[in-house]
């Protein structure tokens, strides 16, 4: 399955972004309010500068304590982004996420953000694909 097909299945294709300079405490509040696991950091709202996950915040809390919440998102965001395009296959994306141990991947087209897929989105797509293959094989075996 292609990333473009995964994006079409998502109920909301809007990616939540925020500008650099936001306090980590405000980012944590946004994550909680929107019930999401990651924010894309972007100065212009189109080109990703970094990504900040719940895990990043928890990891920094463990290192520095609550004082880190006053720092800005760019102090702990991941800047070496692993991205994909709409034409990438879900099995390749799943492998990248597994190898890199991350759960969210920005989808870019011509360098601009067009979506965000999660590990859950990719696993769901893989399961749907397996189910369709199973049904097709059962149909062939049964002679339908």
N, C-alpha and C. Protein backbone atom coordinates (compact mmCIF):
# COMPACT_ATOMS: atom_id res chain seq x y z
N UNK A 1 0.85 -1.18 0.00
CA UNK A 1 0.00 0.00 0.00
C UNK A 1 0.89 1.24 0.00
N UNK A 2 0.46 2.25 -0.72
CA UNK A 2 1.23 3.49 -0.81
C UNK A 2 0.84 4.46 0.31
N UNK A 3 1.77 5.35 0.64
CA UNK A 3 1.51 6.38 1.65
C UNK A 3 0.31 7.23 1.25
N UNK A 4 0.15 7.51 -0.03
CA UNK A 4 -1.01 8.30 -0.48
C UNK A 4 -2.32 7.64 -0.10
N UNK A 5 -2.37 6.30 -0.17
CA UNK A 5 -3.59 5.58 0.21
C UNK A 5 -3.81 5.65 1.72
N UNK A 6 -2.73 5.59 2.48
CA UNK A 6 -2.84 5.71 3.94
C UNK A 6 -3.39 7.08 4.31
N UNK A 7 -2.87 8.11 3.67
CA UNK A 7 -3.33 9.48 3.97
C UNK A 7 -4.83 9.64 3.69
N UNK A 8 -5.32 8.98 2.65
CA UNK A 8 -6.74 9.08 2.31
C UNK A 8 -7.63 8.44 3.37
N UNK A 9 -7.11 7.48 4.12
CA UNK A 9 -7.92 6.80 5.14
C UNK A 9 -7.99 7.57 6.45
N UNK A 10 -7.11 8.56 6.60
CA UNK A 10 -7.09 9.31 7.86
C UNK A 10 -8.28 10.26 7.92
N UNK A 11 -8.95 10.33 9.06
CA UNK A 11 -10.13 11.19 9.17
C UNK A 11 -9.80 12.67 9.01
N UNK A 12 -8.58 13.06 9.41
CA UNK A 12 -8.18 14.47 9.32
C UNK A 12 -6.78 14.51 8.75
N UNK A 13 -6.62 15.12 7.58
CA UNK A 13 -5.31 15.14 6.96
C UNK A 13 -4.48 16.37 7.35
N UNK A 14 -5.02 17.20 8.22
CA UNK A 14 -4.30 18.39 8.66
C UNK A 14 -3.23 18.00 9.68
N UNK A 15 -2.03 18.50 9.47
CA UNK A 15 -0.92 18.24 10.38
C UNK A 15 -0.84 19.39 11.38
N UNK A 16 -0.74 19.05 12.65
CA UNK A 16 -0.62 20.08 13.68
C UNK A 16 0.83 20.53 13.72
N UNK A 17 1.02 21.82 13.42
CA UNK A 17 2.36 22.40 13.47
C UNK A 17 2.38 23.53 14.48
N UNK A 18 3.58 23.87 14.90
CA UNK A 18 3.76 25.03 15.75
C UNK A 18 5.09 25.67 15.39
N UNK A 19 5.24 26.91 15.73
CA UNK A 19 6.45 27.65 15.39
C UNK A 19 7.55 27.42 16.43
N UNK A 20 8.79 27.53 16.00
CA UNK A 20 9.88 27.49 16.98
C UNK A 20 9.68 28.63 17.99
N UNK A 21 10.19 28.46 19.17
CA UNK A 21 10.04 29.48 20.19
C UNK A 21 8.96 29.16 21.20
N UNK A 22 8.10 28.18 20.89
CA UNK A 22 7.06 27.77 21.81
C UNK A 22 7.70 27.07 23.01
N UNK A 23 7.23 27.36 24.20
CA UNK A 23 7.74 26.69 25.40
C UNK A 23 7.33 25.23 25.38
N UNK A 24 8.19 24.39 25.89
CA UNK A 24 7.90 22.95 25.95
C UNK A 24 6.62 22.70 26.74
N UNK A 25 6.37 23.48 27.78
CA UNK A 25 5.14 23.32 28.56
C UNK A 25 3.91 23.59 27.69
N UNK A 26 4.00 24.58 26.80
CA UNK A 26 2.88 24.88 25.89
C UNK A 26 2.72 23.77 24.86
N UNK A 27 3.83 23.23 24.40
CA UNK A 27 3.77 22.11 23.45
C UNK A 27 3.10 20.91 24.11
N UNK A 28 3.46 20.63 25.35
CA UNK A 28 2.85 19.50 26.07
C UNK A 28 1.35 19.73 26.22
N UNK A 29 0.95 20.96 26.48
CA UNK A 29 -0.48 21.28 26.60
C UNK A 29 -1.19 21.07 25.26
N UNK A 30 -0.54 21.45 24.15
CA UNK A 30 -1.14 21.23 22.82
C UNK A 30 -1.32 19.75 22.54
N UNK A 31 -0.29 18.95 22.86
CA UNK A 31 -0.37 17.51 22.64
C UNK A 31 -1.54 16.91 23.43
N UNK A 32 -1.67 17.34 24.68
CA UNK A 32 -2.75 16.83 25.53
C UNK A 32 -4.11 17.27 25.02
N UNK A 33 -4.23 18.54 24.68
CA UNK A 33 -5.52 19.08 24.23
C UNK A 33 -5.99 18.42 22.94
N UNK A 34 -5.07 18.21 22.02
CA UNK A 34 -5.44 17.64 20.72
C UNK A 34 -5.39 16.11 20.70
N UNK A 35 -4.91 15.54 21.80
CA UNK A 35 -4.81 14.08 21.94
C UNK A 35 -3.99 13.46 20.81
N UNK A 36 -2.80 14.06 20.61
CA UNK A 36 -1.87 13.58 19.59
C UNK A 36 -0.52 13.30 20.23
N UNK A 37 0.34 12.61 19.51
CA UNK A 37 1.63 12.20 20.06
C UNK A 37 2.81 13.02 19.60
N UNK A 38 2.60 13.88 18.62
CA UNK A 38 3.73 14.64 18.10
C UNK A 38 3.29 15.95 17.46
N UNK A 39 4.21 16.90 17.46
CA UNK A 39 4.01 18.18 16.79
C UNK A 39 5.12 18.37 15.77
N UNK A 40 4.79 18.87 14.62
CA UNK A 40 5.81 19.26 13.65
C UNK A 40 6.13 20.72 13.90
N UNK A 41 7.41 21.02 14.04
CA UNK A 41 7.85 22.39 14.28
C UNK A 41 8.20 22.99 12.92
N UNK A 42 7.57 24.13 12.61
CA UNK A 42 7.76 24.75 11.30
C UNK A 42 7.60 26.25 11.41
N UNK A 43 8.61 26.98 11.00
CA UNK A 43 8.56 28.44 11.05
C UNK A 43 7.51 28.99 10.09
N UNK A 44 7.34 28.33 8.92
CA UNK A 44 6.41 28.84 7.92
C UNK A 44 5.12 28.03 7.80
N UNK A 45 5.00 26.94 8.58
CA UNK A 45 3.80 26.10 8.53
C UNK A 45 3.77 25.16 7.34
N UNK A 46 4.82 25.19 6.50
CA UNK A 46 4.87 24.35 5.31
C UNK A 46 6.09 23.43 5.29
N UNK A 47 7.22 23.96 5.70
CA UNK A 47 8.47 23.21 5.67
C UNK A 47 8.82 22.78 7.09
N UNK A 48 8.97 21.48 7.33
CA UNK A 48 9.27 21.05 8.70
C UNK A 48 10.72 21.38 9.09
N UNK A 49 10.86 22.00 10.26
CA UNK A 49 12.18 22.30 10.82
C UNK A 49 12.59 21.23 11.82
N UNK A 50 11.59 20.56 12.39
CA UNK A 50 11.84 19.53 13.38
C UNK A 50 10.55 18.87 13.79
N UNK A 51 10.68 17.92 14.70
CA UNK A 51 9.51 17.20 15.20
C UNK A 51 9.70 16.99 16.70
N UNK A 52 8.64 17.10 17.45
CA UNK A 52 8.68 16.96 18.90
C UNK A 52 7.61 15.97 19.32
N UNK A 53 8.03 14.93 20.04
CA UNK A 53 7.08 13.91 20.47
C UNK A 53 6.92 13.93 21.98
N UNK A 54 5.90 13.22 22.43
CA UNK A 54 5.70 13.04 23.87
C UNK A 54 6.95 12.43 24.49
N UNK A 55 7.52 11.47 23.79
CA UNK A 55 8.72 10.80 24.30
C UNK A 55 9.87 11.77 24.50
N UNK A 56 10.02 12.72 23.57
CA UNK A 56 11.09 13.72 23.70
C UNK A 56 10.92 14.52 24.99
N UNK A 57 9.68 14.89 25.28
CA UNK A 57 9.41 15.69 26.48
C UNK A 57 9.67 14.86 27.73
N UNK A 58 9.18 13.64 27.77
CA UNK A 58 9.38 12.78 28.93
C UNK A 58 10.87 12.51 29.17
N UNK A 59 11.59 12.25 28.08
CA UNK A 59 13.03 11.99 28.18
C UNK A 59 13.74 13.20 28.80
N UNK A 60 13.37 14.40 28.36
CA UNK A 60 14.01 15.61 28.88
C UNK A 60 13.61 15.88 30.32
N UNK A 61 12.37 15.58 30.67
CA UNK A 61 11.94 15.70 32.07
C UNK A 61 12.78 14.79 32.95
N UNK A 62 13.06 13.59 32.47
CA UNK A 62 13.88 12.66 33.22
C UNK A 62 15.31 13.14 33.40
N UNK A 63 15.83 13.82 32.40
CA UNK A 63 17.22 14.33 32.45
C UNK A 63 17.34 15.57 33.31
N UNK A 64 16.44 16.54 33.09
CA UNK A 64 16.60 17.86 33.69
C UNK A 64 15.61 18.19 34.80
N UNK A 65 14.52 17.45 34.84
CA UNK A 65 13.47 17.81 35.78
C UNK A 65 12.53 18.83 35.15
N UNK A 66 11.60 19.34 35.95
CA UNK A 66 10.53 20.21 35.47
C UNK A 66 11.04 21.53 34.89
N UNK A 67 12.26 21.91 35.21
CA UNK A 67 12.81 23.16 34.68
C UNK A 67 12.88 23.18 33.16
N UNK A 68 12.96 22.03 32.54
CA UNK A 68 13.04 21.98 31.07
C UNK A 68 11.77 22.48 30.41
N UNK A 69 10.68 22.49 31.14
CA UNK A 69 9.40 22.90 30.55
C UNK A 69 9.38 24.37 30.12
N UNK A 70 10.31 25.16 30.66
CA UNK A 70 10.39 26.57 30.30
C UNK A 70 11.25 26.80 29.06
N UNK A 71 12.00 25.78 28.65
CA UNK A 71 12.82 25.89 27.44
C UNK A 71 11.91 25.88 26.21
N UNK A 72 12.49 26.20 25.07
CA UNK A 72 11.71 26.21 23.84
C UNK A 72 11.82 24.86 23.13
N UNK A 73 10.85 24.60 22.28
CA UNK A 73 10.77 23.31 21.60
C UNK A 73 12.01 22.99 20.79
N UNK A 74 12.64 24.00 20.21
CA UNK A 74 13.80 23.70 19.38
C UNK A 74 15.00 23.21 20.18
N UNK A 75 14.95 23.36 21.50
CA UNK A 75 16.05 22.86 22.32
C UNK A 75 16.04 21.34 22.44
N UNK A 76 14.89 20.70 22.19
CA UNK A 76 14.83 19.23 22.30
C UNK A 76 14.23 18.53 21.09
N UNK A 77 13.77 19.30 20.10
CA UNK A 77 13.14 18.66 18.94
C UNK A 77 14.18 17.90 18.12
N UNK A 78 13.69 16.91 17.39
CA UNK A 78 14.54 16.17 16.46
C UNK A 78 14.63 16.98 15.17
N UNK A 79 15.85 17.28 14.75
CA UNK A 79 16.03 18.09 13.55
C UNK A 79 16.45 17.26 12.33
N UNK A 80 16.98 16.09 12.57
CA UNK A 80 17.35 15.21 11.46
C UNK A 80 16.14 14.32 11.15
N UNK A 81 15.22 14.87 10.39
CA UNK A 81 13.96 14.20 10.14
C UNK A 81 14.10 13.10 9.10
N UNK A 82 13.40 12.01 9.36
CA UNK A 82 13.23 10.96 8.37
C UNK A 82 11.84 11.19 7.81
N UNK A 83 11.78 11.43 6.52
CA UNK A 83 10.51 11.76 5.88
C UNK A 83 10.22 10.76 4.76
N UNK A 84 9.04 10.87 4.22
CA UNK A 84 8.65 10.02 3.09
C UNK A 84 7.84 10.85 2.13
N UNK A 85 7.51 10.22 0.99
CA UNK A 85 6.66 10.87 0.01
C UNK A 85 5.37 10.05 -0.13
N UNK A 86 4.42 10.59 -0.83
CA UNK A 86 3.15 9.90 -1.05
C UNK A 86 3.33 8.60 -1.83
N UNK A 87 4.42 8.52 -2.60
CA UNK A 87 4.66 7.36 -3.45
C UNK A 87 5.41 6.23 -2.76
N UNK A 88 5.83 6.43 -1.52
CA UNK A 88 6.54 5.37 -0.79
C UNK A 88 5.58 4.28 -0.38
N UNK A 89 6.11 3.07 -0.29
CA UNK A 89 5.30 1.90 0.10
C UNK A 89 5.28 1.75 1.62
N UNK A 90 4.16 1.29 2.15
CA UNK A 90 3.98 1.16 3.60
C UNK A 90 4.97 0.18 4.22
N UNK A 91 5.34 -0.89 3.51
CA UNK A 91 6.28 -1.84 4.09
C UNK A 91 7.66 -1.21 4.28
N UNK A 92 8.08 -0.34 3.36
CA UNK A 92 9.36 0.36 3.50
C UNK A 92 9.30 1.36 4.66
N UNK A 93 8.17 2.03 4.81
CA UNK A 93 7.99 2.99 5.90
C UNK A 93 8.01 2.27 7.25
N UNK A 94 7.34 1.14 7.32
CA UNK A 94 7.32 0.35 8.55
C UNK A 94 8.73 -0.05 8.94
N UNK A 95 9.53 -0.44 7.97
CA UNK A 95 10.92 -0.82 8.25
C UNK A 95 11.73 0.36 8.76
N UNK A 96 11.57 1.52 8.14
CA UNK A 96 12.29 2.73 8.58
C UNK A 96 11.91 3.12 10.00
N UNK A 97 10.62 3.05 10.31
CA UNK A 97 10.15 3.42 11.65
C UNK A 97 10.67 2.43 12.68
N UNK A 98 10.64 1.16 12.33
CA UNK A 98 11.12 0.12 13.26
C UNK A 98 12.61 0.27 13.50
N UNK A 99 13.37 0.43 12.43
CA UNK A 99 14.82 0.57 12.56
C UNK A 99 15.21 1.83 13.32
N UNK A 100 14.49 2.93 13.05
CA UNK A 100 14.80 4.20 13.70
C UNK A 100 14.17 4.39 15.06
N UNK A 101 13.29 3.48 15.43
CA UNK A 101 12.60 3.54 16.72
C UNK A 101 11.84 4.85 16.92
N UNK A 102 11.05 5.22 15.91
CA UNK A 102 10.18 6.40 16.03
C UNK A 102 8.80 6.04 15.50
N UNK A 103 7.82 6.85 15.88
CA UNK A 103 6.43 6.50 15.59
C UNK A 103 5.70 7.44 14.65
N UNK A 104 6.34 8.52 14.23
CA UNK A 104 5.67 9.48 13.35
C UNK A 104 6.62 9.91 12.24
N UNK A 105 6.07 10.04 11.03
CA UNK A 105 6.90 10.43 9.89
C UNK A 105 6.17 11.47 9.04
N UNK A 106 6.81 12.63 8.86
CA UNK A 106 6.23 13.64 7.97
C UNK A 106 6.25 13.17 6.52
N UNK A 107 5.19 13.51 5.81
CA UNK A 107 5.08 13.21 4.39
C UNK A 107 5.31 14.52 3.64
N UNK A 108 6.31 14.53 2.76
CA UNK A 108 6.66 15.75 2.03
C UNK A 108 6.43 15.58 0.54
N UNK A 109 6.07 16.69 -0.09
CA UNK A 109 5.97 16.76 -1.54
C UNK A 109 6.63 18.07 -1.96
N UNK A 110 7.67 17.96 -2.76
CA UNK A 110 8.45 19.14 -3.16
C UNK A 110 8.94 19.92 -1.94
N UNK A 111 9.34 19.20 -0.89
CA UNK A 111 9.89 19.83 0.31
C UNK A 111 8.87 20.40 1.27
N UNK A 112 7.58 20.33 0.91
CA UNK A 112 6.53 20.88 1.77
C UNK A 112 5.73 19.76 2.42
N UNK A 113 5.29 20.02 3.63
CA UNK A 113 4.53 19.08 4.44
C UNK A 113 3.13 18.88 3.85
N UNK A 114 2.79 17.62 3.55
CA UNK A 114 1.45 17.32 3.03
C UNK A 114 0.71 16.33 3.92
N UNK A 115 1.39 15.81 4.94
CA UNK A 115 0.74 14.87 5.83
C UNK A 115 1.70 14.36 6.88
N UNK A 116 1.17 13.57 7.78
CA UNK A 116 1.95 12.94 8.84
C UNK A 116 1.33 11.56 9.05
N UNK A 117 2.17 10.54 9.01
CA UNK A 117 1.66 9.19 9.26
C UNK A 117 2.29 8.65 10.53
N UNK A 118 1.52 7.85 11.23
CA UNK A 118 1.99 7.24 12.47
C UNK A 118 2.26 5.76 12.25
N UNK A 119 2.96 5.18 13.17
CA UNK A 119 3.21 3.75 13.13
C UNK A 119 1.88 3.00 13.11
N UNK A 120 0.92 3.47 13.88
CA UNK A 120 -0.41 2.86 13.90
C UNK A 120 -1.08 2.90 12.53
N UNK A 121 -0.94 4.03 11.82
CA UNK A 121 -1.50 4.15 10.48
C UNK A 121 -0.90 3.10 9.55
N UNK A 122 0.42 2.93 9.65
CA UNK A 122 1.13 2.00 8.76
C UNK A 122 0.76 0.56 9.10
N UNK A 123 0.70 0.23 10.38
CA UNK A 123 0.33 -1.13 10.78
C UNK A 123 -1.09 -1.44 10.32
N UNK A 124 -2.00 -0.49 10.49
CA UNK A 124 -3.38 -0.68 10.04
C UNK A 124 -3.42 -0.95 8.54
N UNK A 125 -2.65 -0.20 7.77
CA UNK A 125 -2.60 -0.39 6.32
C UNK A 125 -2.05 -1.77 5.97
N UNK A 126 -1.02 -2.20 6.68
CA UNK A 126 -0.43 -3.51 6.43
C UNK A 126 -1.45 -4.62 6.74
N UNK A 127 -2.19 -4.46 7.82
CA UNK A 127 -3.20 -5.46 8.18
C UNK A 127 -4.31 -5.51 7.14
N UNK A 128 -4.73 -4.36 6.64
CA UNK A 128 -5.77 -4.33 5.59
C UNK A 128 -5.27 -5.03 4.33
N UNK A 129 -4.02 -4.79 3.99
CA UNK A 129 -3.46 -5.40 2.80
C UNK A 129 -3.39 -6.92 2.95
N UNK A 130 -2.97 -7.38 4.14
CA UNK A 130 -2.92 -8.82 4.39
C UNK A 130 -4.32 -9.44 4.33
N UNK A 131 -5.30 -8.75 4.86
CA UNK A 131 -6.67 -9.24 4.84
C UNK A 131 -7.18 -9.38 3.41
N UNK A 132 -6.88 -8.39 2.57
CA UNK A 132 -7.32 -8.46 1.18
C UNK A 132 -6.62 -9.61 0.45
N UNK A 133 -5.33 -9.80 0.72
CA UNK A 133 -4.60 -10.91 0.09
C UNK A 133 -5.18 -12.25 0.54
N UNK A 134 -5.51 -12.35 1.83
CA UNK A 134 -6.08 -13.59 2.36
C UNK A 134 -7.41 -13.89 1.67
N UNK A 135 -8.26 -12.89 1.54
CA UNK A 135 -9.56 -13.08 0.89
C UNK A 135 -9.38 -13.49 -0.58
N UNK A 136 -8.42 -12.89 -1.25
CA UNK A 136 -8.17 -13.23 -2.65
C UNK A 136 -7.70 -14.67 -2.77
N UNK A 137 -6.80 -15.08 -1.88
CA UNK A 137 -6.30 -16.47 -1.92
C UNK A 137 -7.41 -17.46 -1.59
N UNK A 138 -8.23 -17.13 -0.60
CA UNK A 138 -9.35 -18.02 -0.27
C UNK A 138 -10.31 -18.13 -1.45
N UNK A 139 -10.54 -17.02 -2.14
CA UNK A 139 -11.41 -17.04 -3.31
C UNK A 139 -10.85 -17.91 -4.42
N UNK A 140 -9.54 -17.85 -4.60
CA UNK A 140 -8.89 -18.68 -5.62
C UNK A 140 -8.99 -20.17 -5.26
N UNK A 141 -8.77 -20.47 -3.99
CA UNK A 141 -8.82 -21.85 -3.53
C UNK A 141 -10.22 -22.42 -3.65
N UNK A 142 -11.21 -21.62 -3.32
CA UNK A 142 -12.60 -22.06 -3.36
C UNK A 142 -13.16 -22.04 -4.78
N UNK A 143 -12.41 -21.46 -5.72
CA UNK A 143 -12.85 -21.45 -7.10
C UNK A 143 -13.81 -20.33 -7.43
N UNK A 144 -13.78 -19.23 -6.65
CA UNK A 144 -14.70 -18.11 -6.93
C UNK A 144 -14.06 -17.12 -7.85
